[in-house]
Amino acid sequence: MIRILHETKINFIGNRKYAFVFSGILVALGIISFALILMGKANLGLDFTGGAEIIGSFQQPVTAQQLRSALDEVGLGKATIQSVSGGSLQNAFIIRVQGSIQNAIPETSFTETGKPTVNMVAAEGDKLADRIRSAIGERFPTNPFKLDSTNNISGLVGKQLAKDATWAVIFAFLGILVYIWVRFDFRFGVAATIATFHDVLAMLGIYFILHREISLLLITALLTIAGYSLTDTVVVFDRIRENLKQFRKRSDFMTTVNLSINEVLSRTIITSLTTQLAVLSILVFGGEVLFDFALALTIGIVIGTYSSVFVASPIIVEWENRSPRRVK
């Protein structure tokens, strides 16, 4: 196996208190961000809020500001507009508008006596997409807009997606706990689960600070990083288990854990770097559609590697110091 580091003797566990402080800040940030997301005070994507997404291109050049000005005339000035370029794409844009009461449209209904009433309802799905296309056509009558695709999601669908995503994350964490518990030890399982929670919350907090869009792509990235981090943690735990014979005979537990981390450090760095190269290629060349997903993975790989060394293993050591027992 290729090794980029040889015989390292870094005292990772000795510096665990600094790591705990740093991780505590990340987790607190993640919890606050999660609470704000539940309150709807985050940059939620159409997957959760409902609305419309239109991808299309003009025959002649148009700036994002001109397009926003056209949408502003019909009350859609808060739309997210992204210019897309590269390859065969010319003068192309991705337009996303959330279906909210700010984008309300009049809807006429009739009472039992036949009297008409007008109510302002949130524009969602096809209605919102039609409104966007109409506004573009009126503002640029001599510059045809070619529609490539539309994505319409209602608010009810968005709520169901949010519920399903929450259950997916919960079941993933339960599966992680059971897997590590069966393969290693209950304490290892708890430590791995805490480290995975740490990774997810840290990613969520950083993403919230960057004001990036919270969408199903982010949920996918979170679950992907949870699996990646778990794999890295299992490698460290496996080496700890192999070295426990030394612990029982002539060495203390903290020294054994430190030795195990240093022994797999080269493998951890190589795995992280090679994975990061693949993700960075998506980040740079994947375009606007995949940018947020690749960015989340880029951040998550760094955090996942950090947690396997400075979170999961130190928790085992602290637990053993406070409540000594024979570990499997």
C-alpha atoms as a PDB file:
ATOM      1  CA  MET A   1       0.000   0.000   0.000  1.00  0.00           C
ATOM      2  CA  ILE A   2       1.224   3.511  -0.795  1.00  0.00           C
ATOM      3  CA  ARG A   3       2.242   5.417   2.319  1.00  0.00           C
ATOM      4  CA  ILE A   4       2.776   9.162   2.378  1.00  0.00           C
ATOM      5  CA  LEU A   5       3.522   9.215   6.112  1.00  0.00           C
ATOM      6  CA  HIS A   6       5.788   6.825   7.974  1.00  0.00           C
ATOM      7  CA  GLU A   7       5.892   6.045  11.699  1.00  0.00           C
ATOM      8  CA  THR A   8       3.985   9.122  12.854  1.00  0.00           C
ATOM      9  CA  LYS A   9       3.661   9.691  16.588  1.00  0.00           C
ATOM     10  CA  ILE A  10       1.129  12.509  16.726  1.00  0.00           C
ATOM     11  CA  ASN A  11      -0.671  12.838  20.052  1.00  0.00           C
ATOM     12  CA  PHE A  12      -4.209  13.102  18.697  1.00  0.00           C
ATOM     13  CA  ILE A  13      -5.896  11.946  21.893  1.00  0.00           C
ATOM     14  CA  GLY A  14      -3.822  14.298  24.047  1.00  0.00           C
ATOM     15  CA  ASN A  15      -5.325  17.244  22.158  1.00  0.00           C
ATOM     16  CA  ARG A  16      -8.873  15.948  22.375  1.00  0.00           C
ATOM     17  CA  LYS A  17     -10.080  18.769  24.655  1.00  0.00           C
ATOM     18  CA  TYR A  18      -9.311  21.368  21.981  1.00  0.00           C
ATOM     19  CA  ALA A  19     -11.078  19.184  19.437  1.00  0.00           C
ATOM     20  CA  PHE A  20     -14.112  18.862  21.719  1.00  0.00           C
ATOM     21  CA  VAL A  21     -14.357  22.661  22.014  1.00  0.00           C
ATOM     22  CA  PHE A  22     -14.129  23.101  18.248  1.00  0.00           C
ATOM     23  CA  SER A  23     -16.628  20.310  17.626  1.00  0.00           C
ATOM     24  CA  GLY A  24     -18.968  21.765  20.246  1.00  0.00           C
ATOM     25  CA  ILE A  25     -19.032  25.048  18.338  1.00  0.00           C
ATOM     26  CA  LEU A  26     -19.801  23.222  15.088  1.00  0.00           C
ATOM     27  CA  VAL A  27     -22.574  21.169  16.677  1.00  0.00           C
ATOM     28  CA  ALA A  28     -24.125  24.225  18.368  1.00  0.00           C
ATOM     29  CA  LEU A  29     -24.070  26.014  15.031  1.00  0.00           C
ATOM     30  CA  GLY A  30     -25.725  23.006  13.408  1.00  0.00           C
ATOM     31  CA  ILE A  31     -28.468  22.787  16.035  1.00  0.00           C
ATOM     32  CA  ILE A  32     -29.255  26.501  15.698  1.00  0.00           C
ATOM     33  CA  SER A  33     -29.319  26.166  11.920  1.00  0.00           C
ATOM     34  CA  PHE A  34     -31.604  23.136  12.114  1.00  0.00           C
ATOM     35  CA  ALA A  35     -34.016  25.033  14.359  1.00  0.00           C
ATOM     36  CA  LEU A  36     -34.062  27.996  11.969  1.00  0.00           C
ATOM     37  CA  ILE A  37     -34.643  25.639   9.040  1.00  0.00           C
ATOM     38  CA  LEU A  38     -37.652  24.119  10.821  1.00  0.00           C
ATOM     39  CA  MET A  39     -38.940  27.653  11.386  1.00  0.00           C
ATOM     40  CA  GLY A  40     -38.622  28.351   7.665  1.00  0.00           C
ATOM     41  CA  LYS A  41     -35.951  31.025   8.154  1.00  0.00           C
ATOM     42  CA  ALA A  42     -33.395  29.384   5.877  1.00  0.00           C
ATOM     43  CA  ASN A  43     -32.769  29.394   2.156  1.00  0.00           C
ATOM     44  CA  LEU A  44     -35.111  26.459   1.520  1.00  0.00           C
ATOM     45  CA  GLY A  45     -35.259  25.021  -1.962  1.00  0.00           C
ATOM     46  CA  LEU A  46     -38.339  24.304  -4.032  1.00  0.00           C
ATOM     47  CA  ASP A  47     -38.285  20.708  -2.809  1.00  0.00           C
ATOM     48  CA  PHE A  48     -39.489  21.924   0.595  1.00  0.00           C
ATOM     49  CA  THR A  49     -41.338  25.170  -0.115  1.00  0.00           C
ATOM     50  CA  GLY A  50     -43.082  24.346  -3.386  1.00  0.00           C
ATOM     51  CA  GLY A  51     -42.829  26.534  -6.461  1.00  0.00           C
ATOM     52  CA  ALA A  52     -41.507  26.386  -9.990  1.00  0.00           C
ATOM     53  CA  GLU A  53     -38.169  26.014 -11.714  1.00  0.00           C
ATOM     54  CA  ILE A  54     -37.717  26.915 -15.361  1.00  0.00           C
ATOM     55  CA  ILE A  55     -34.656  26.243 -17.473  1.00  0.00           C
ATOM     56  CA  GLY A  56     -34.483  27.920 -20.863  1.00  0.00           C
ATOM     57  CA  SER A  57     -32.457  30.136 -23.159  1.00  0.00           C
ATOM     58  CA  PHE A  58     -32.853  33.314 -25.208  1.00  0.00           C
ATOM     59  CA  GLN A  59     -31.848  33.744 -28.828  1.00  0.00           C
ATOM     60  CA  GLN A  60     -30.109  37.012 -28.007  1.00  0.00           C
ATOM     61  CA  PRO A  61     -28.018  37.995 -24.963  1.00  0.00           C
ATOM     62  CA  VAL A  62     -29.945  39.007 -21.841  1.00  0.00           C
ATOM     63  CA  THR A  63     -28.492  39.908 -18.455  1.00  0.00           C
ATOM     64  CA  ALA A  64     -29.718  38.454 -15.178  1.00  0.00           C
ATOM     65  CA  GLN A  65     -30.631  41.967 -14.036  1.00  0.00           C
ATOM     66  CA  GLN A  66     -32.834  42.520 -17.089  1.00  0.00           C
ATOM     67  CA  LEU A  67     -34.553  39.205 -16.450  1.00  0.00           C
ATOM     68  CA  ARG A  68     -35.059  40.018 -12.780  1.00  0.00           C
ATOM     69  CA  SER A  69     -36.505  43.400 -13.734  1.00  0.00           C
ATOM     70  CA  ALA A  70     -39.047  41.658 -15.976  1.00  0.00           C
ATOM     71  CA  LEU A  71     -40.094  39.317 -13.176  1.00  0.00           C
ATOM     72  CA  ASP A  72     -40.205  42.173 -10.688  1.00  0.00           C
ATOM     73  CA  GLU A  73     -42.959  43.822 -12.740  1.00  0.00           C
ATOM     74  CA  VAL A  74     -45.267  40.898 -11.927  1.00  0.00           C
ATOM     75  CA  GLY A  75     -44.186  40.578  -8.287  1.00  0.00           C
ATOM     76  CA  LEU A  76     -41.573  37.847  -8.767  1.00  0.00           C
ATOM     77  CA  GLY A  77     -38.480  39.971  -8.192  1.00  0.00           C
ATOM     78  CA  LYS A  78     -37.219  37.655  -5.393  1.00  0.00           C
ATOM     79  CA  ALA A  79     -36.734  34.804  -7.840  1.00  0.00           C
ATOM     80  CA  THR A  80     -33.389  33.020  -7.859  1.00  0.00           C
ATOM     81  CA  ILE A  81     -31.788  33.526 -11.276  1.00  0.00           C
ATOM     82  CA  GLN A  82     -28.666  31.666 -12.352  1.00  0.00           C
ATOM     83  CA  SER A  83     -26.897  32.198 -15.630  1.00  0.00           C
ATOM     84  CA  VAL A  84     -25.799  28.956 -17.267  1.00  0.00           C
ATOM     85  CA  SER A  85     -22.988  28.780 -19.798  1.00  0.00           C
ATOM     86  CA  GLY A  86     -20.664  26.235 -21.320  1.00  0.00           C
ATOM     87  CA  GLY A  87     -20.873  23.740 -24.149  1.00  0.00           C
ATOM     88  CA  SER A  88     -23.879  24.312 -26.370  1.00  0.00           C
ATOM     89  CA  LEU A  89     -25.623  26.504 -23.781  1.00  0.00           C
ATOM     90  CA  GLN A  90     -25.852  30.158 -24.791  1.00  0.00           C
ATOM     91  CA  ASN A  91     -27.887  32.867 -23.033  1.00  0.00           C
ATOM     92  CA  ALA A  92     -29.401  30.183 -20.784  1.00  0.00           C
ATOM     93  CA  PHE A  93     -30.880  30.708 -17.329  1.00  0.00           C
ATOM     94  CA  ILE A  94     -32.248  28.708 -14.420  1.00  0.00           C
ATOM     95  CA  ILE A  95     -35.156  30.549 -12.785  1.00  0.00           C
ATOM     96  CA  ARG A  96     -36.492  29.376  -9.432  1.00  0.00           C
ATOM     97  CA  VAL A  97     -39.481  30.951  -7.721  1.00  0.00           C
ATOM     98  CA  GLN A  98     -40.941  29.726  -4.454  1.00  0.00           C
ATOM     99  CA  GLY A  99     -44.690  29.318  -4.201  1.00  0.00           C
ATOM    100  CA  SER A 100     -45.454  31.669  -1.322  1.00  0.00           C
ATOM    101  CA  ILE A 101     -48.089  34.197  -0.385  1.00  0.00           C
ATOM    102  CA  GLN A 102     -45.791  36.917  -1.734  1.00  0.00           C
ATOM    103  CA  ASN A 103     -46.342  35.399  -5.159  1.00  0.00           C
ATOM    104  CA  ALA A 104     -50.104  35.221  -4.649  1.00  0.00           C
ATOM    105  CA  ILE A 105     -52.520  35.392  -7.572  1.00  0.00           C
ATOM    106  CA  PRO A 106     -56.261  36.111  -7.540  1.00  0.00           C
ATOM    107  CA  GLU A 107     -58.519  33.056  -7.686  1.00  0.00           C
ATOM    108  CA  THR A 108     -62.297  33.387  -8.127  1.00  0.00           C
ATOM    109  CA  SER A 109     -64.727  31.038  -6.414  1.00  0.00           C
ATOM    110  CA  PHE A 110     -68.513  31.071  -6.062  1.00  0.00           C
ATOM    111  CA  THR A 111     -70.679  30.755  -2.982  1.00  0.00           C
ATOM    112  CA  GLU A 112     -73.822  28.561  -2.801  1.00  0.00           C
ATOM    113  CA  THR A 113     -75.906  31.563  -3.859  1.00  0.00           C
ATOM    114  CA  GLY A 114     -73.722  32.079  -6.920  1.00  0.00           C
ATOM    115  CA  LYS A 115     -71.980  35.167  -5.592  1.00  0.00           C
ATOM    116  CA  PRO A 116     -68.369  35.396  -6.833  1.00  0.00           C
ATOM    117  CA  THR A 117     -65.562  35.894  -4.296  1.00  0.00           C
ATOM    118  CA  VAL A 118     -61.931  36.609  -5.044  1.00  0.00           C
ATOM    119  CA  ASN A 119     -59.201  35.131  -2.819  1.00  0.00           C
ATOM    120  CA  MET A 120     -55.448  35.610  -3.027  1.00  0.00           C
ATOM    121  CA  VAL A 121     -53.804  32.189  -3.085  1.00  0.00           C
ATOM    122  CA  ALA A 122     -50.152  31.203  -3.339  1.00  0.00           C
ATOM    123  CA  ALA A 123     -49.044  30.635  -6.888  1.00  0.00           C
ATOM    124  CA  GLU A 124     -47.563  27.155  -7.164  1.00  0.00           C
ATOM    125  CA  GLY A 125     -46.679  24.627  -9.787  1.00  0.00           C
ATOM    126  CA  ASP A 126     -48.042  25.178 -13.286  1.00  0.00           C
ATOM    127  CA  LYS A 127     -49.685  28.504 -12.385  1.00  0.00           C
ATOM    128  CA  LEU A 128     -46.403  29.966 -11.217  1.00  0.00           C
ATOM    129  CA  ALA A 129     -44.504  28.602 -14.224  1.00  0.00           C
ATOM    130  CA  ASP A 130     -47.093  30.069 -16.607  1.00  0.00           C
ATOM    131  CA  ARG A 131     -46.799  33.390 -14.840  1.00  0.00           C
ATOM    132  CA  ILE A 132     -43.010  33.396 -15.300  1.00  0.00           C
ATOM    133  CA  ARG A 133     -43.213  32.507 -18.988  1.00  0.00           C
ATOM    134  CA  SER A 134     -45.862  35.174 -19.572  1.00  0.00           C
ATOM    135  CA  ALA A 135     -43.747  37.859 -17.881  1.00  0.00           C
ATOM    136  CA  ILE A 136     -40.717  36.947 -19.980  1.00  0.00           C
ATOM    137  CA  GLY A 137     -42.733  36.973 -23.195  1.00  0.00           C
ATOM    138  CA  GLU A 138     -44.194  40.418 -22.465  1.00  0.00           C
ATOM    139  CA  ARG A 139     -40.822  41.955 -21.569  1.00  0.00           C
ATOM    140  CA  PHE A 140     -38.840  40.407 -24.449  1.00  0.00           C
ATOM    141  CA  PRO A 141     -41.300  40.136 -27.371  1.00  0.00           C
ATOM    142  CA  THR A 142     -38.537  40.221 -30.028  1.00  0.00           C
ATOM    143  CA  ASN A 143     -36.199  37.863 -28.179  1.00  0.00           C
ATOM    144  CA  PRO A 144     -37.844  34.406 -28.058  1.00  0.00           C
ATOM    145  CA  PHE A 145     -37.334  32.354 -24.906  1.00  0.00           C
ATOM    146  CA  LYS A 146     -36.848  28.631 -25.612  1.00  0.00           C
ATOM    147  CA  LEU A 147     -38.163  26.537 -22.747  1.00  0.00           C
ATOM    148  CA  ASP A 148     -35.971  23.502 -22.045  1.00  0.00           C
ATOM    149  CA  SER A 149     -37.588  22.123 -18.905  1.00  0.00           C
ATOM    150  CA  THR A 150     -39.906  22.958 -16.026  1.00  0.00           C
ATOM    151  CA  ASN A 151     -40.091  21.552 -12.523  1.00  0.00           C
ATOM    152  CA  ASN A 152     -43.269  22.246 -10.592  1.00  0.00           C
ATOM    153  CA  ILE A 153     -43.668  21.240  -6.950  1.00  0.00           C
ATOM    154  CA  SER A 154     -46.658  22.034  -4.767  1.00  0.00           C
ATOM    155  CA  GLY A 155     -46.361  23.018  -1.126  1.00  0.00           C
ATOM    156  CA  LEU A 156     -48.015  19.780  -0.012  1.00  0.00           C
ATOM    157  CA  VAL A 157     -45.460  17.718  -1.921  1.00  0.00           C
ATOM    158  CA  GLY A 158     -42.685  19.797  -0.361  1.00  0.00           C
ATOM    159  CA  LYS A 159     -43.936  19.053   3.159  1.00  0.00           C
ATOM    160  CA  GLN A 160     -44.107  15.338   2.376  1.00  0.00           C
ATOM    161  CA  LEU A 161     -40.557  15.402   0.990  1.00  0.00           C
ATOM    162  CA  ALA A 162     -39.325  17.130   4.145  1.00  0.00           C
ATOM    163  CA  LYS A 163     -41.032  14.494   6.310  1.00  0.00           C
ATOM    164  CA  ASP A 164     -39.598  11.627   4.261  1.00  0.00           C
ATOM    165  CA  ALA A 165     -36.113  13.169   4.379  1.00  0.00           C
ATOM    166  CA  THR A 166     -36.295  13.435   8.173  1.00  0.00           C
ATOM    167  CA  TRP A 167     -37.260   9.777   8.543  1.00  0.00           C
ATOM    168  CA  ALA A 168     -34.494   8.761   6.131  1.00  0.00           C
ATOM    169  CA  VAL A 169     -31.887  10.461   8.313  1.00  0.00           C
ATOM    170  CA  ILE A 170     -33.314   8.922  11.522  1.00  0.00           C
ATOM    171  CA  PHE A 171     -33.342   5.378  10.123  1.00  0.00           C
ATOM    172  CA  ALA A 172     -29.817   5.840   8.758  1.00  0.00           C
ATOM    173  CA  PHE A 173     -28.521   6.755  12.218  1.00  0.00           C
ATOM    174  CA  LEU A 174     -30.304   3.827  13.852  1.00  0.00           C
ATOM    175  CA  GLY A 175     -28.780   1.490  11.284  1.00  0.00           C
ATOM    176  CA  ILE A 176     -25.323   2.893  11.998  1.00  0.00           C
ATOM    177  CA  LEU A 177     -25.740   2.368  15.744  1.00  0.00           C
ATOM    178  CA  VAL A 178     -26.871  -1.246  15.350  1.00  0.00           C
ATOM    179  CA  TYR A 179     -24.147  -2.073  12.798  1.00  0.00           C
ATOM    180  CA  ILE A 180     -21.255  -0.768  14.927  1.00  0.00           C
ATOM    181  CA  TRP A 181     -22.745  -2.289  18.075  1.00  0.00           C
ATOM    182  CA  VAL A 182     -22.890  -5.755  16.469  1.00  0.00           C
ATOM    183  CA  ARG A 183     -19.474  -5.524  14.825  1.00  0.00           C
ATOM    184  CA  PHE A 184     -17.537  -3.959  17.685  1.00  0.00           C
ATOM    185  CA  ASP A 185     -19.043  -2.892  20.995  1.00  0.00           C
ATOM    186  CA  PHE A 186     -21.933  -0.792  22.253  1.00  0.00           C
ATOM    187  CA  ARG A 187     -19.589   2.024  23.254  1.00  0.00           C
ATOM    188  CA  PHE A 188     -18.096   2.042  19.791  1.00  0.00           C
ATOM    189  CA  GLY A 189     -21.587   2.194  18.335  1.00  0.00           C
ATOM    190  CA  VAL A 190     -22.548   5.185  20.449  1.00  0.00           C
ATOM    191  CA  ALA A 191     -19.283   6.973  19.602  1.00  0.00           C
ATOM    192  CA  ALA A 192     -19.744   6.347  15.873  1.00  0.00           C
ATOM    193  CA  THR A 193     -23.333   7.607  16.006  1.00  0.00           C
ATOM    194  CA  ILE A 194     -22.320  10.771  17.872  1.00  0.00           C
ATOM    195  CA  ALA A 195     -19.544  11.377  15.341  1.00  0.00           C
ATOM    196  CA  THR A 196     -21.999  10.957  12.475  1.00  0.00           C
ATOM    197  CA  PHE A 197     -24.464  13.355  14.109  1.00  0.00           C
ATOM    198  CA  HIS A 198     -21.546  15.740  14.513  1.00  0.00           C
ATOM    199  CA  ASP A 199     -20.745  15.544  10.794  1.00  0.00           C
ATOM    200  CA  VAL A 200     -24.329  16.136   9.689  1.00  0.00           C
ATOM    201  CA  LEU A 201     -24.903  19.058  12.052  1.00  0.00           C
ATOM    202  CA  ALA A 202     -21.540  20.625  11.209  1.00  0.00           C
ATOM    203  CA  MET A 203     -22.271  20.411   7.480  1.00  0.00           C
ATOM    204  CA  LEU A 204     -25.730  21.845   8.004  1.00  0.00           C
ATOM    205  CA  GLY A 205     -24.371  24.741  10.059  1.00  0.00           C
ATOM    206  CA  ILE A 206     -21.668  25.631   7.549  1.00  0.00           C
ATOM    207  CA  TYR A 207     -24.144  25.360   4.693  1.00  0.00           C
ATOM    208  CA  PHE A 208     -26.532  27.661   6.544  1.00  0.00           C
ATOM    209  CA  ILE A 209     -23.806  30.267   7.129  1.00  0.00           C
ATOM    210  CA  LEU A 210     -22.912  30.165   3.444  1.00  0.00           C
ATOM    211  CA  HIS A 211     -26.622  30.785   2.732  1.00  0.00           C
ATOM    212  CA  ARG A 212     -26.710  27.942   0.253  1.00  0.00           C
ATOM    213  CA  GLU A 213     -30.009  26.394  -0.774  1.00  0.00           C
ATOM    214  CA  ILE A 214     -31.367  23.622   1.456  1.00  0.00           C
ATOM    215  CA  SER A 215     -32.719  21.025  -0.978  1.00  0.00           C
ATOM    216  CA  LEU A 216     -33.028  17.276  -1.427  1.00  0.00           C
ATOM    217  CA  LEU A 217     -29.556  17.317  -2.993  1.00  0.00           C
ATOM    218  CA  LEU A 218     -28.206  18.464   0.367  1.00  0.00           C
ATOM    219  CA  ILE A 219     -30.067  15.640   2.144  1.00  0.00           C
ATOM    220  CA  THR A 220     -28.507  13.210  -0.330  1.00  0.00           C
ATOM    221  CA  ALA A 221     -25.080  14.680   0.361  1.00  0.00           C
ATOM    222  CA  LEU A 222     -25.636  14.422   4.132  1.00  0.00           C
ATOM    223  CA  LEU A 223     -26.499  10.725   3.902  1.00  0.00           C
ATOM    224  CA  THR A 224     -23.539  10.140   1.564  1.00  0.00           C
ATOM    225  CA  ILE A 225     -21.137  11.805   3.981  1.00  0.00           C
ATOM    226  CA  ALA A 226     -22.653   9.863   6.882  1.00  0.00           C
ATOM    227  CA  GLY A 227     -21.709   6.648   5.089  1.00  0.00           C
ATOM    228  CA  TYR A 228     -18.263   7.969   4.163  1.00  0.00           C
ATOM    229  CA  SER A 229     -17.518   9.092   7.710  1.00  0.00           C
ATOM    230  CA  LEU A 230     -18.738   5.777   9.091  1.00  0.00           C
ATOM    231  CA  THR A 231     -16.387   3.858   6.793  1.00  0.00           C
ATOM    232  CA  ASP A 232     -13.444   5.961   7.931  1.00  0.00           C
ATOM    233  CA  THR A 233     -14.414   5.479  11.566  1.00  0.00           C
ATOM    234  CA  VAL A 234     -14.730   1.706  11.129  1.00  0.00           C
ATOM    235  CA  VAL A 235     -11.170   1.539   9.783  1.00  0.00           C
ATOM    236  CA  VAL A 236      -9.870   3.287  12.912  1.00  0.00           C
ATOM    237  CA  PHE A 237     -12.013   1.160  15.226  1.00  0.00           C
ATOM    238  CA  ASP A 238     -10.858  -2.017  13.493  1.00  0.00           C
ATOM    239  CA  ARG A 239      -7.217  -1.105  14.100  1.00  0.00           C
ATOM    240  CA  ILE A 240      -7.993  -0.279  17.734  1.00  0.00           C
ATOM    241  CA  ARG A 241      -9.542  -3.706  18.174  1.00  0.00           C
ATOM    242  CA  GLU A 242      -6.476  -5.362  16.646  1.00  0.00           C
ATOM    243  CA  ASN A 243      -4.170  -3.463  18.990  1.00  0.00           C
ATOM    244  CA  LEU A 244      -6.194  -4.104  22.137  1.00  0.00           C
ATOM    245  CA  LYS A 245      -4.003  -7.112  22.939  1.00  0.00           C
ATOM    246  CA  GLN A 246      -1.149  -4.672  23.518  1.00  0.00           C
ATOM    247  CA  PHE A 247      -3.443  -2.615  25.740  1.00  0.00           C
ATOM    248  CA  ARG A 248      -4.292  -5.565  27.926  1.00  0.00           C
ATOM    249  CA  LYS A 249      -0.691  -6.688  28.285  1.00  0.00           C
ATOM    250  CA  ARG A 250       1.617  -3.682  28.528  1.00  0.00           C
ATOM    251  CA  SER A 251      -0.008  -0.453  27.405  1.00  0.00           C
ATOM    252  CA  ASP A 252      -2.828   1.794  28.512  1.00  0.00           C
ATOM    253  CA  PHE A 253      -5.973   2.301  26.456  1.00  0.00           C
ATOM    254  CA  MET A 254      -5.252   5.909  25.410  1.00  0.00           C
ATOM    255  CA  THR A 255      -1.824   4.960  24.074  1.00  0.00           C
ATOM    256  CA  THR A 256      -3.334   2.094  22.120  1.00  0.00           C
ATOM    257  CA  VAL A 257      -5.954   4.342  20.522  1.00  0.00           C
ATOM    258  CA  ASN A 258      -3.320   6.947  19.670  1.00  0.00           C
ATOM    259  CA  LEU A 259      -1.107   4.284  18.122  1.00  0.00           C
ATOM    260  CA  SER A 260      -4.025   2.924  16.085  1.00  0.00           C
ATOM    261  CA  ILE A 261      -4.905   6.356  14.673  1.00  0.00           C
ATOM    262  CA  ASN A 262      -1.292   6.971  13.666  1.00  0.00           C
ATOM    263  CA  GLU A 263      -1.075   3.565  11.996  1.00  0.00           C
ATOM    264  CA  VAL A 264      -4.063   4.263   9.725  1.00  0.00           C
ATOM    265  CA  LEU A 265      -3.291   7.971   9.254  1.00  0.00           C
ATOM    266  CA  SER A 266      -1.598   7.476   5.879  1.00  0.00           C
ATOM    267  CA  ARG A 267      -4.538   5.430   4.600  1.00  0.00           C
ATOM    268  CA  THR A 268      -7.007   8.042   5.872  1.00  0.00           C
ATOM    269  CA  ILE A 269      -5.222  10.920   4.140  1.00  0.00           C
ATOM    270  CA  ILE A 270      -4.845   9.062   0.825  1.00  0.00           C
ATOM    271  CA  THR A 271      -8.525   8.043   0.830  1.00  0.00           C
ATOM    272  CA  SER A 272      -9.649  11.583   1.621  1.00  0.00           C
ATOM    273  CA  LEU A 273      -7.441  13.159  -1.037  1.00  0.00           C
ATOM    274  CA  THR A 274      -8.464  10.781  -3.819  1.00  0.00           C
ATOM    275  CA  THR A 275     -12.148  11.138  -2.952  1.00  0.00           C
ATOM    276  CA  GLN A 276     -11.760  14.902  -2.759  1.00  0.00           C
ATOM    277  CA  LEU A 277     -10.191  15.014  -6.238  1.00  0.00           C
ATOM    278  CA  ALA A 278     -13.218  13.263  -7.724  1.00  0.00           C
ATOM    279  CA  VAL A 279     -15.635  15.584  -5.922  1.00  0.00           C
ATOM    280  CA  LEU A 280     -13.666  18.692  -6.882  1.00  0.00           C
ATOM    281  CA  SER A 281     -13.945  17.718 -10.540  1.00  0.00           C
ATOM    282  CA  ILE A 282     -17.749  17.729 -10.136  1.00  0.00           C
ATOM    283  CA  LEU A 283     -17.556  21.030  -8.275  1.00  0.00           C
ATOM    284  CA  VAL A 284     -15.549  22.697 -11.043  1.00  0.00           C
ATOM    285  CA  PHE A 285     -16.967  21.043 -14.167  1.00  0.00           C
ATOM    286  CA  GLY A 286     -20.412  19.826 -13.061  1.00  0.00           C
ATOM    287  CA  GLY A 287     -22.174  23.115 -13.675  1.00  0.00           C
ATOM    288  CA  GLU A 288     -24.724  25.014 -11.611  1.00  0.00           C
ATOM    289  CA  VAL A 289     -27.086  22.092 -11.133  1.00  0.00           C
ATOM    290  CA  LEU A 290     -24.491  19.931  -9.334  1.00  0.00           C
ATOM    291  CA  PHE A 291     -22.549  22.743  -7.650  1.00  0.00           C
ATOM    292  CA  ASP A 292     -24.388  22.706  -4.300  1.00  0.00           C
ATOM    293  CA  PHE A 293     -24.244  18.912  -4.101  1.00  0.00           C
ATOM    294  CA  ALA A 294     -20.499  18.863  -4.849  1.00  0.00           C
ATOM    295  CA  LEU A 295     -19.871  21.707  -2.394  1.00  0.00           C
ATOM    296  CA  ALA A 296     -21.649  19.789   0.372  1.00  0.00           C
ATOM    297  CA  LEU A 297     -19.566  16.686  -0.367  1.00  0.00           C
ATOM    298  CA  THR A 298     -16.351  18.734  -0.389  1.00  0.00           C
ATOM    299  CA  ILE A 299     -17.118  20.149   3.047  1.00  0.00           C
ATOM    300  CA  GLY A 300     -18.382  16.814   4.328  1.00  0.00           C
ATOM    301  CA  ILE A 301     -15.263  14.848   3.384  1.00  0.00           C
ATOM    302  CA  VAL A 302     -13.108  17.241   5.405  1.00  0.00           C
ATOM    303  CA  ILE A 303     -15.447  17.085   8.399  1.00  0.00           C
ATOM    304  CA  GLY A 304     -15.861  13.308   8.156  1.00  0.00           C
ATOM    305  CA  THR A 305     -12.103  12.748   8.138  1.00  0.00           C
ATOM    306  CA  TYR A 306     -11.696  15.105  11.080  1.00  0.00           C
ATOM    307  CA  SER A 307     -14.422  13.412  13.145  1.00  0.00           C
ATOM    308  CA  SER A 308     -13.060   9.893  12.704  1.00  0.00           C
ATOM    309  CA  VAL A 309      -9.819  11.043  14.331  1.00  0.00           C
ATOM    310  CA  PHE A 310     -10.820  13.811  16.733  1.00  0.00           C
ATOM    311  CA  VAL A 311     -14.394  12.899  17.687  1.00  0.00           C
ATOM    312  CA  ALA A 312     -15.185   9.169  17.554  1.00  0.00           C
ATOM    313  CA  SER A 313     -11.948   7.821  19.027  1.00  0.00           C
ATOM    314  CA  PRO A 314     -11.588  10.452  21.786  1.00  0.00           C
ATOM    315  CA  ILE A 315     -15.168   9.714  22.930  1.00  0.00           C
ATOM    316  CA  ILE A 316     -14.176   6.063  23.423  1.00  0.00           C
ATOM    317  CA  VAL A 317     -11.140   7.137  25.437  1.00  0.00           C
ATOM    318  CA  GLU A 318     -13.133   9.519  27.641  1.00  0.00           C
ATOM    319  CA  TRP A 319     -15.778   6.861  28.256  1.00  0.00           C
ATOM    320  CA  GLU A 320     -13.122   4.304  29.185  1.00  0.00           C
ATOM    321  CA  ASN A 321     -11.369   6.754  31.521  1.00  0.00           C
ATOM    322  CA  ARG A 322     -14.595   7.599  33.346  1.00  0.00           C
ATOM    323  CA  SER A 323     -15.996   4.063  33.418  1.00  0.00           C
ATOM    324  CA  PRO A 324     -13.235   1.460  32.852  1.00  0.00           C
ATOM    325  CA  ARG A 325     -14.258  -1.897  31.474  1.00  0.00           C
ATOM    326  CA  ARG A 326     -12.865  -4.648  29.281  1.00  0.00           C
ATOM    327  CA  VAL A 327     -13.519  -3.607  25.685  1.00  0.00           C
ATOM    328  CA  LYS A 328     -14.048  -6.329  23.069  1.00  0.00           C
END
